[in-house]
Amino acid sequence: MSTPETSRFVRLRVELVLEVDDTGAVTEAALARISDDTDMPAEERAHAESAVTEDTAEALAYLVDPFDLVREVPGVELAQASWSGEQTEYDPDSPDWDLDEDDVDEDDEEEKAAG
């Protein structure tokens, strides 16, 4: 099914909402990961330690690594990744949290706009 017009690149979008029951454990794990990173320069280490200590979302961003998600997937290589964490209010019954709303095909959206 591969044609010259077919891109070899795929954008995979993943959104997670995590409930944190123990912020201390998350912070401690992030600090341990930073401490174990022997390639991290001292100035960057100090900044990272401060960030994860002050913000649980930052700590989670240090612990959840997109590279780990695809490391064992055969036939793929991660070309680029970006991720971040932020505090949020969450109501699973709210229509604002409907996970299916992002499933709209971008081509369908463009066709509707040109329509």
N, C-alpha and C. Protein backbone atom coordinates (compact mmCIF):
# COMPACT_ATOMS: atom_id res chain seq x y z
N MET A 1 0.82 -1.19 0.00
CA MET A 1 0.00 0.00 0.00
C MET A 1 0.86 1.25 0.00
N SER A 2 2.14 1.06 -0.07
CA SER A 2 3.04 2.20 -0.08
C SER A 2 3.21 2.71 -1.50
N THR A 3 2.89 3.96 -1.71
CA THR A 3 3.07 4.59 -3.01
C THR A 3 4.03 5.75 -2.83
N PRO A 4 4.58 6.28 -3.91
CA PRO A 4 5.49 7.42 -3.77
C PRO A 4 4.86 8.62 -3.07
N GLU A 5 3.52 8.76 -3.15
CA GLU A 5 2.84 9.88 -2.53
C GLU A 5 2.57 9.65 -1.04
N THR A 6 2.72 8.43 -0.56
CA THR A 6 2.43 8.09 0.83
C THR A 6 3.63 8.44 1.70
N SER A 7 3.41 9.23 2.72
CA SER A 7 4.49 9.60 3.63
C SER A 7 4.82 8.44 4.54
N ARG A 8 6.06 8.32 4.88
CA ARG A 8 6.50 7.30 5.83
C ARG A 8 6.30 7.78 7.26
N PHE A 9 5.95 9.03 7.43
CA PHE A 9 5.81 9.61 8.77
C PHE A 9 4.36 9.61 9.21
N VAL A 10 4.14 9.29 10.47
CA VAL A 10 2.81 9.25 11.06
C VAL A 10 2.83 10.10 12.32
N ARG A 11 1.87 10.99 12.46
CA ARG A 11 1.74 11.77 13.70
C ARG A 11 0.73 11.03 14.57
N LEU A 12 1.18 10.57 15.72
CA LEU A 12 0.34 9.87 16.67
C LEU A 12 0.08 10.81 17.84
N ARG A 13 -1.18 11.15 18.04
CA ARG A 13 -1.53 12.08 19.13
C ARG A 13 -2.10 11.29 20.29
N VAL A 14 -1.55 11.53 21.46
CA VAL A 14 -1.99 10.86 22.67
C VAL A 14 -2.21 11.91 23.73
N GLU A 15 -3.37 11.85 24.38
CA GLU A 15 -3.64 12.76 25.49
C GLU A 15 -3.98 11.91 26.70
N LEU A 16 -3.31 12.15 27.79
CA LEU A 16 -3.54 11.41 29.02
C LEU A 16 -3.98 12.36 30.12
N VAL A 17 -4.90 11.93 30.95
CA VAL A 17 -5.25 12.65 32.16
C VAL A 17 -4.95 11.69 33.30
N LEU A 18 -4.04 12.07 34.16
CA LEU A 18 -3.62 11.21 35.26
C LEU A 18 -4.11 11.78 36.58
N GLU A 19 -4.57 10.92 37.45
CA GLU A 19 -4.95 11.33 38.79
C GLU A 19 -3.77 11.03 39.71
N VAL A 20 -3.26 12.05 40.37
CA VAL A 20 -2.10 11.91 41.24
C VAL A 20 -2.57 11.79 42.69
N ASP A 21 -2.34 10.62 43.25
CA ASP A 21 -2.73 10.37 44.64
C ASP A 21 -1.61 10.67 45.63
N ASP A 22 -0.37 10.66 45.15
CA ASP A 22 0.78 10.86 46.04
C ASP A 22 1.81 11.75 45.34
N THR A 23 1.65 13.06 45.52
CA THR A 23 2.57 14.00 44.85
C THR A 23 4.01 13.81 45.33
N GLY A 24 4.18 13.44 46.58
CA GLY A 24 5.52 13.21 47.10
C GLY A 24 6.23 12.08 46.38
N ALA A 25 5.52 11.00 46.11
CA ALA A 25 6.10 9.86 45.40
C ALA A 25 6.48 10.24 43.97
N VAL A 26 5.62 11.03 43.32
CA VAL A 26 5.90 11.47 41.95
C VAL A 26 7.15 12.35 41.95
N THR A 27 7.20 13.30 42.87
CA THR A 27 8.35 14.21 42.95
C THR A 27 9.63 13.43 43.24
N GLU A 28 9.56 12.50 44.18
CA GLU A 28 10.73 11.70 44.54
C GLU A 28 11.23 10.88 43.35
N ALA A 29 10.32 10.29 42.60
CA ALA A 29 10.70 9.50 41.43
C ALA A 29 11.34 10.39 40.36
N ALA A 30 10.80 11.59 40.16
CA ALA A 30 11.37 12.50 39.18
C ALA A 30 12.76 12.95 39.61
N LEU A 31 12.93 13.26 40.87
CA LEU A 31 14.26 13.65 41.38
C LEU A 31 15.25 12.51 41.21
N ALA A 32 14.81 11.28 41.42
CA ALA A 32 15.69 10.13 41.24
C ALA A 32 16.11 9.99 39.78
N ARG A 33 15.16 10.19 38.86
CA ARG A 33 15.49 10.10 37.43
C ARG A 33 16.50 11.18 37.04
N ILE A 34 16.29 12.39 37.56
CA ILE A 34 17.22 13.48 37.27
C ILE A 34 18.60 13.15 37.83
N SER A 35 18.63 12.64 39.03
CA SER A 35 19.89 12.28 39.69
C SER A 35 20.63 11.19 38.92
N ASP A 36 19.89 10.26 38.33
CA ASP A 36 20.49 9.15 37.58
C ASP A 36 21.02 9.58 36.21
N ASP A 37 20.62 10.75 35.74
CA ASP A 37 21.03 11.22 34.41
C ASP A 37 22.43 11.83 34.51
N THR A 38 23.43 11.03 34.27
CA THR A 38 24.82 11.47 34.42
C THR A 38 25.26 12.43 33.31
N ASP A 39 24.50 12.50 32.22
CA ASP A 39 24.86 13.40 31.11
C ASP A 39 24.30 14.80 31.28
N MET A 40 23.45 15.02 32.28
CA MET A 40 22.82 16.32 32.46
C MET A 40 23.80 17.30 33.10
N PRO A 41 24.01 18.46 32.47
CA PRO A 41 24.89 19.48 33.06
C PRO A 41 24.35 19.98 34.40
N ALA A 42 25.24 20.40 35.28
CA ALA A 42 24.88 20.81 36.65
C ALA A 42 23.84 21.93 36.66
N GLU A 43 23.98 22.92 35.79
CA GLU A 43 23.03 24.03 35.76
C GLU A 43 21.64 23.54 35.35
N GLU A 44 21.59 22.68 34.34
CA GLU A 44 20.31 22.12 33.90
C GLU A 44 19.71 21.24 35.00
N ARG A 45 20.56 20.49 35.70
CA ARG A 45 20.10 19.62 36.79
C ARG A 45 19.44 20.45 37.89
N ALA A 46 20.06 21.56 38.26
CA ALA A 46 19.51 22.42 39.31
C ALA A 46 18.15 22.97 38.89
N HIS A 47 18.05 23.39 37.63
CA HIS A 47 16.78 23.91 37.11
C HIS A 47 15.72 22.81 37.12
N ALA A 48 16.06 21.61 36.66
CA ALA A 48 15.12 20.50 36.60
C ALA A 48 14.66 20.11 38.00
N GLU A 49 15.58 20.04 38.95
CA GLU A 49 15.22 19.69 40.33
C GLU A 49 14.26 20.71 40.92
N SER A 50 14.51 21.97 40.65
CA SER A 50 13.62 23.02 41.14
C SER A 50 12.23 22.90 40.50
N ALA A 51 12.20 22.66 39.19
CA ALA A 51 10.92 22.57 38.47
C ALA A 51 10.08 21.40 38.98
N VAL A 52 10.68 20.23 39.16
CA VAL A 52 9.89 19.07 39.58
C VAL A 52 9.49 19.16 41.04
N THR A 53 10.26 19.88 41.83
CA THR A 53 9.92 20.05 43.24
C THR A 53 8.73 21.00 43.40
N GLU A 54 8.65 22.00 42.53
CA GLU A 54 7.59 23.01 42.62
C GLU A 54 6.30 22.62 41.92
N ASP A 55 6.36 21.69 40.94
CA ASP A 55 5.20 21.43 40.10
C ASP A 55 5.10 19.93 39.79
N THR A 56 4.04 19.30 40.27
CA THR A 56 3.84 17.87 40.03
C THR A 56 3.70 17.56 38.55
N ALA A 57 3.10 18.47 37.79
CA ALA A 57 2.97 18.26 36.34
C ALA A 57 4.35 18.19 35.69
N GLU A 58 5.27 19.04 36.12
CA GLU A 58 6.64 18.99 35.60
C GLU A 58 7.30 17.67 35.98
N ALA A 59 7.06 17.22 37.20
CA ALA A 59 7.63 15.94 37.65
C ALA A 59 7.13 14.81 36.75
N LEU A 60 5.85 14.80 36.45
CA LEU A 60 5.31 13.77 35.56
C LEU A 60 5.90 13.86 34.16
N ALA A 61 6.13 15.07 33.68
CA ALA A 61 6.73 15.23 32.36
C ALA A 61 8.14 14.62 32.32
N TYR A 62 8.85 14.62 33.45
CA TYR A 62 10.16 13.97 33.50
C TYR A 62 10.03 12.45 33.55
N LEU A 63 8.92 11.95 34.06
CA LEU A 63 8.76 10.51 34.24
C LEU A 63 8.09 9.80 33.06
N VAL A 64 7.22 10.50 32.35
CA VAL A 64 6.52 9.90 31.22
C VAL A 64 7.27 10.29 29.96
N ASP A 65 7.86 9.30 29.31
CA ASP A 65 8.74 9.55 28.18
C ASP A 65 8.17 8.93 26.90
N PRO A 66 7.86 9.75 25.87
CA PRO A 66 7.31 9.20 24.63
C PRO A 66 8.24 8.17 23.98
N PHE A 67 9.53 8.30 24.18
CA PHE A 67 10.47 7.34 23.60
C PHE A 67 10.17 5.94 24.14
N ASP A 68 9.79 5.85 25.41
CA ASP A 68 9.46 4.56 26.01
C ASP A 68 8.22 3.94 25.39
N LEU A 69 7.30 4.77 24.90
CA LEU A 69 6.06 4.26 24.31
C LEU A 69 6.31 3.49 23.01
N VAL A 70 7.33 3.86 22.26
CA VAL A 70 7.55 3.25 20.95
C VAL A 70 8.86 2.48 20.85
N ARG A 71 9.61 2.43 21.91
CA ARG A 71 10.93 1.77 21.89
C ARG A 71 10.84 0.33 21.40
N GLU A 72 9.82 -0.41 21.80
CA GLU A 72 9.69 -1.82 21.46
C GLU A 72 8.81 -2.09 20.24
N VAL A 73 8.32 -1.04 19.58
CA VAL A 73 7.46 -1.23 18.41
C VAL A 73 8.33 -1.56 17.21
N PRO A 74 8.12 -2.73 16.61
CA PRO A 74 8.96 -3.12 15.47
C PRO A 74 8.70 -2.27 14.23
N GLY A 75 9.75 -1.93 13.52
CA GLY A 75 9.62 -1.24 12.25
C GLY A 75 9.43 0.25 12.33
N VAL A 76 9.56 0.85 13.52
CA VAL A 76 9.42 2.30 13.63
C VAL A 76 10.60 2.89 14.39
N GLU A 77 10.87 4.13 14.08
CA GLU A 77 11.88 4.90 14.80
C GLU A 77 11.28 6.27 15.12
N LEU A 78 11.39 6.69 16.36
CA LEU A 78 10.84 7.98 16.76
C LEU A 78 11.67 9.09 16.10
N ALA A 79 11.01 9.92 15.29
CA ALA A 79 11.70 10.99 14.58
C ALA A 79 11.69 12.29 15.38
N GLN A 80 10.62 12.53 16.12
CA GLN A 80 10.49 13.77 16.89
C GLN A 80 9.41 13.57 17.93
N ALA A 81 9.57 14.21 19.08
CA ALA A 81 8.54 14.13 20.11
C ALA A 81 8.56 15.40 20.93
N SER A 82 7.40 15.79 21.41
CA SER A 82 7.31 16.89 22.37
C SER A 82 6.18 16.55 23.32
N TRP A 83 6.33 16.98 24.53
CA TRP A 83 5.31 16.72 25.53
C TRP A 83 5.46 17.68 26.67
N SER A 84 4.39 17.86 27.39
CA SER A 84 4.40 18.74 28.54
C SER A 84 3.31 18.30 29.49
N GLY A 85 3.33 18.83 30.67
CA GLY A 85 2.30 18.53 31.65
C GLY A 85 1.74 19.81 32.22
N GLU A 86 0.50 19.78 32.63
CA GLU A 86 -0.12 20.95 33.24
C GLU A 86 -1.21 20.48 34.20
N GLN A 87 -1.43 21.25 35.23
CA GLN A 87 -2.53 20.97 36.16
C GLN A 87 -3.83 21.26 35.43
N THR A 88 -4.87 20.48 35.69
CA THR A 88 -6.15 20.69 35.04
C THR A 88 -7.28 20.26 35.96
N GLU A 89 -8.43 20.84 35.74
CA GLU A 89 -9.64 20.37 36.39
C GLU A 89 -10.20 19.27 35.51
N TYR A 90 -10.71 18.22 36.10
CA TYR A 90 -11.19 17.09 35.31
C TYR A 90 -12.56 16.64 35.80
N ASP A 91 -13.51 16.54 34.90
CA ASP A 91 -14.83 16.01 35.17
C ASP A 91 -15.15 15.01 34.06
N PRO A 92 -15.04 13.72 34.35
CA PRO A 92 -15.24 12.73 33.29
C PRO A 92 -16.64 12.76 32.67
N ASP A 93 -17.61 13.36 33.36
CA ASP A 93 -18.98 13.43 32.83
C ASP A 93 -19.22 14.67 31.97
N SER A 94 -18.26 15.57 31.94
CA SER A 94 -18.41 16.80 31.17
C SER A 94 -18.19 16.53 29.68
N PRO A 95 -19.01 17.15 28.81
CA PRO A 95 -18.79 16.99 27.37
C PRO A 95 -17.45 17.59 26.92
N ASP A 96 -16.87 18.47 27.73
CA ASP A 96 -15.56 19.03 27.38
C ASP A 96 -14.47 17.96 27.35
N TRP A 97 -14.72 16.84 28.00
CA TRP A 97 -13.73 15.76 28.07
C TRP A 97 -14.08 14.60 27.16
N ASP A 98 -14.89 14.84 26.13
CA ASP A 98 -15.25 13.81 25.17
C ASP A 98 -14.03 13.46 24.33
N LEU A 99 -13.49 12.28 24.54
CA LEU A 99 -12.26 11.88 23.85
C LEU A 99 -12.46 11.69 22.36
N ASP A 100 -13.68 11.46 21.90
CA ASP A 100 -13.92 11.22 20.48
C ASP A 100 -13.89 12.49 19.64
N GLU A 101 -13.94 13.66 20.27
CA GLU A 101 -14.02 14.91 19.49
C GLU A 101 -12.79 15.16 18.65
N ASP A 102 -11.63 14.60 19.02
CA ASP A 102 -10.41 14.80 18.24
C ASP A 102 -10.27 13.81 17.11
N ASP A 103 -11.25 12.90 16.96
CA ASP A 103 -11.16 11.88 15.94
C ASP A 103 -11.61 12.37 14.57
N VAL A 104 -11.94 13.64 14.44
CA VAL A 104 -12.37 14.20 13.16
C VAL A 104 -11.17 14.25 12.22
N ASP A 105 -11.35 13.72 11.03
CA ASP A 105 -10.29 13.71 10.03
C ASP A 105 -10.04 15.14 9.55
N GLU A 106 -8.78 15.56 9.52
CA GLU A 106 -8.45 16.92 9.10
C GLU A 106 -8.90 17.21 7.68
N ASP A 107 -8.87 16.17 6.80
CA ASP A 107 -9.32 16.37 5.42
C ASP A 107 -10.82 16.69 5.40
N ASP A 108 -11.61 16.03 6.28
CA ASP A 108 -13.03 16.33 6.38
C ASP A 108 -13.25 17.78 6.80
N GLU A 109 -12.46 18.27 7.75
CA GLU A 109 -12.57 19.64 8.22
C GLU A 109 -12.27 20.62 7.08
N GLU A 110 -11.22 20.33 6.29
CA GLU A 110 -10.85 21.21 5.18
C GLU A 110 -11.95 21.24 4.13
N GLU A 111 -12.56 20.07 3.86
CA GLU A 111 -13.64 20.01 2.89
C GLU A 111 -14.85 20.82 3.34
N LYS A 112 -15.17 20.72 4.64
CA LYS A 112 -16.28 21.50 5.19
C LYS A 112 -16.01 22.99 5.07
N ALA A 113 -14.78 23.40 5.34
CA ALA A 113 -14.42 24.82 5.28
C ALA A 113 -14.48 25.34 3.85
N ALA A 114 -14.08 24.51 2.89
CA ALA A 114 -14.08 24.94 1.49
C ALA A 114 -15.48 24.90 0.91
N GLY A 115 -16.36 24.08 1.51
CA GLY A 115 -17.66 23.75 1.13
C GLY A 115 -18.60 24.53 0.46
